[in-house]
N, C-alpha and C. Protein backbone atom coordinates (compact mmCIF):
# COMPACT_ATOMS: atom_id res chain seq x y z
N MET A 1 49.23 0.94 158.75
CA MET A 1 49.57 0.36 157.45
C MET A 1 49.38 1.43 156.38
N SER A 2 50.33 1.55 155.49
CA SER A 2 50.24 2.56 154.43
C SER A 2 49.29 2.09 153.33
N LYS A 3 48.91 3.02 152.50
CA LYS A 3 48.06 2.71 151.36
C LYS A 3 48.96 2.34 150.21
N CYS A 4 49.40 1.09 150.18
CA CYS A 4 50.43 0.64 149.27
C CYS A 4 49.98 0.60 147.82
N ASN A 5 48.69 0.62 147.56
CA ASN A 5 48.20 0.50 146.19
C ASN A 5 47.31 1.67 145.80
N GLU A 6 47.48 2.81 146.41
CA GLU A 6 46.62 3.97 146.15
C GLU A 6 46.59 4.35 144.67
N GLU A 7 47.72 4.34 144.00
CA GLU A 7 47.78 4.74 142.59
C GLU A 7 47.07 3.75 141.68
N ASN A 8 47.07 2.47 142.02
CA ASN A 8 46.50 1.44 141.15
C ASN A 8 45.14 0.92 141.61
N CYS A 9 44.65 1.39 142.71
CA CYS A 9 43.38 0.90 143.25
C CYS A 9 42.24 1.36 142.36
N THR A 10 41.47 0.41 141.84
CA THR A 10 40.37 0.73 140.92
C THR A 10 39.03 0.89 141.64
N CYS A 11 39.02 0.71 142.93
CA CYS A 11 37.76 0.81 143.67
C CYS A 11 37.25 2.26 143.70
N PRO A 12 35.99 2.48 143.32
CA PRO A 12 35.46 3.83 143.32
C PRO A 12 35.11 4.35 144.72
N ASN A 13 35.13 3.48 145.71
CA ASN A 13 34.77 3.87 147.07
C ASN A 13 35.98 4.46 147.78
N THR A 14 36.35 5.68 147.40
CA THR A 14 37.56 6.31 147.93
C THR A 14 37.44 6.74 149.38
N GLU A 15 36.24 6.77 149.91
CA GLU A 15 36.03 7.14 151.32
C GLU A 15 36.29 5.96 152.27
N CYS A 16 36.42 4.77 151.72
CA CYS A 16 36.63 3.57 152.54
C CYS A 16 38.00 3.60 153.20
N GLU A 17 38.07 3.20 154.46
CA GLU A 17 39.35 3.18 155.18
C GLU A 17 40.33 2.17 154.59
N ARG A 18 39.84 1.20 153.80
CA ARG A 18 40.69 0.19 153.19
C ARG A 18 41.06 0.53 151.74
N HIS A 19 40.61 1.68 151.22
CA HIS A 19 40.94 2.05 149.84
C HIS A 19 42.46 2.15 149.68
N GLY A 20 42.98 1.51 148.65
CA GLY A 20 44.43 1.50 148.42
C GLY A 20 45.15 0.43 149.22
N LYS A 21 44.43 -0.33 150.01
CA LYS A 21 45.00 -1.43 150.79
C LYS A 21 44.27 -2.70 150.35
N CYS A 22 44.48 -3.09 149.10
CA CYS A 22 43.65 -4.12 148.48
C CYS A 22 43.67 -5.47 149.21
N CYS A 23 44.81 -5.92 149.67
CA CYS A 23 44.86 -7.21 150.38
C CYS A 23 44.00 -7.18 151.64
N GLN A 24 44.08 -6.07 152.37
CA GLN A 24 43.27 -5.92 153.58
C GLN A 24 41.79 -5.90 153.21
N CYS A 25 41.45 -5.22 152.13
CA CYS A 25 40.07 -5.13 151.67
C CYS A 25 39.54 -6.51 151.26
N ILE A 26 40.32 -7.25 150.47
CA ILE A 26 39.90 -8.58 150.03
C ILE A 26 39.68 -9.50 151.22
N ASN A 27 40.58 -9.48 152.18
CA ASN A 27 40.41 -10.34 153.37
C ASN A 27 39.18 -9.95 154.17
N PHE A 28 38.91 -8.66 154.30
CA PHE A 28 37.74 -8.18 155.00
C PHE A 28 36.46 -8.70 154.34
N HIS A 29 36.38 -8.57 153.02
CA HIS A 29 35.19 -9.02 152.31
C HIS A 29 35.07 -10.54 152.27
N ARG A 30 36.17 -11.25 152.25
CA ARG A 30 36.11 -12.72 152.29
C ARG A 30 35.47 -13.17 153.60
N GLU A 31 35.80 -12.51 154.69
CA GLU A 31 35.19 -12.85 155.97
C GLU A 31 33.69 -12.60 155.94
N LEU A 32 33.26 -11.56 155.23
CA LEU A 32 31.83 -11.24 155.11
C LEU A 32 31.13 -12.08 154.05
N LYS A 33 31.94 -12.80 153.24
CA LYS A 33 31.43 -13.57 152.12
C LYS A 33 30.68 -12.67 151.12
N SER A 34 31.26 -11.51 150.86
CA SER A 34 30.71 -10.57 149.89
C SER A 34 31.81 -10.12 148.95
N PRO A 35 31.46 -9.80 147.69
CA PRO A 35 32.50 -9.34 146.76
C PRO A 35 33.02 -7.96 147.14
N VAL A 36 34.28 -7.74 146.86
CA VAL A 36 34.84 -6.42 147.10
C VAL A 36 34.17 -5.42 146.16
N HIS A 37 34.07 -4.18 146.59
CA HIS A 37 33.34 -3.15 145.84
C HIS A 37 33.84 -3.03 144.40
N CYS A 38 35.15 -3.07 144.21
CA CYS A 38 35.72 -2.88 142.86
C CYS A 38 35.41 -4.04 141.93
N MET A 39 34.93 -5.17 142.45
CA MET A 39 34.63 -6.34 141.63
C MET A 39 33.13 -6.62 141.49
N LYS A 40 32.29 -5.83 142.13
CA LYS A 40 30.85 -6.11 142.13
C LYS A 40 30.26 -6.15 140.73
N GLU A 41 30.65 -5.22 139.85
CA GLU A 41 30.13 -5.22 138.48
C GLU A 41 30.57 -6.46 137.73
N LEU A 42 31.81 -6.90 137.95
CA LEU A 42 32.32 -8.11 137.31
C LEU A 42 31.54 -9.33 137.79
N VAL A 43 31.28 -9.42 139.07
CA VAL A 43 30.54 -10.54 139.65
C VAL A 43 29.12 -10.59 139.08
N LYS A 44 28.48 -9.42 138.94
CA LYS A 44 27.12 -9.35 138.40
C LYS A 44 27.05 -9.87 136.96
N SER A 45 28.10 -9.60 136.18
CA SER A 45 28.07 -9.96 134.77
C SER A 45 28.37 -11.43 134.52
N GLU A 46 28.84 -12.14 135.52
CA GLU A 46 29.16 -13.57 135.33
C GLU A 46 27.99 -14.45 135.71
């Protein structure tokens, strides 16, 4: 699968194999019941 969102991906974890593949990343974290890395600061502030 290509990195379809590499230019727009706001996640600072660029070493992650799912960086730039946001849908795959969101589904992975939903299974873990944890927020995606790029949203952790937002989740903390709410």
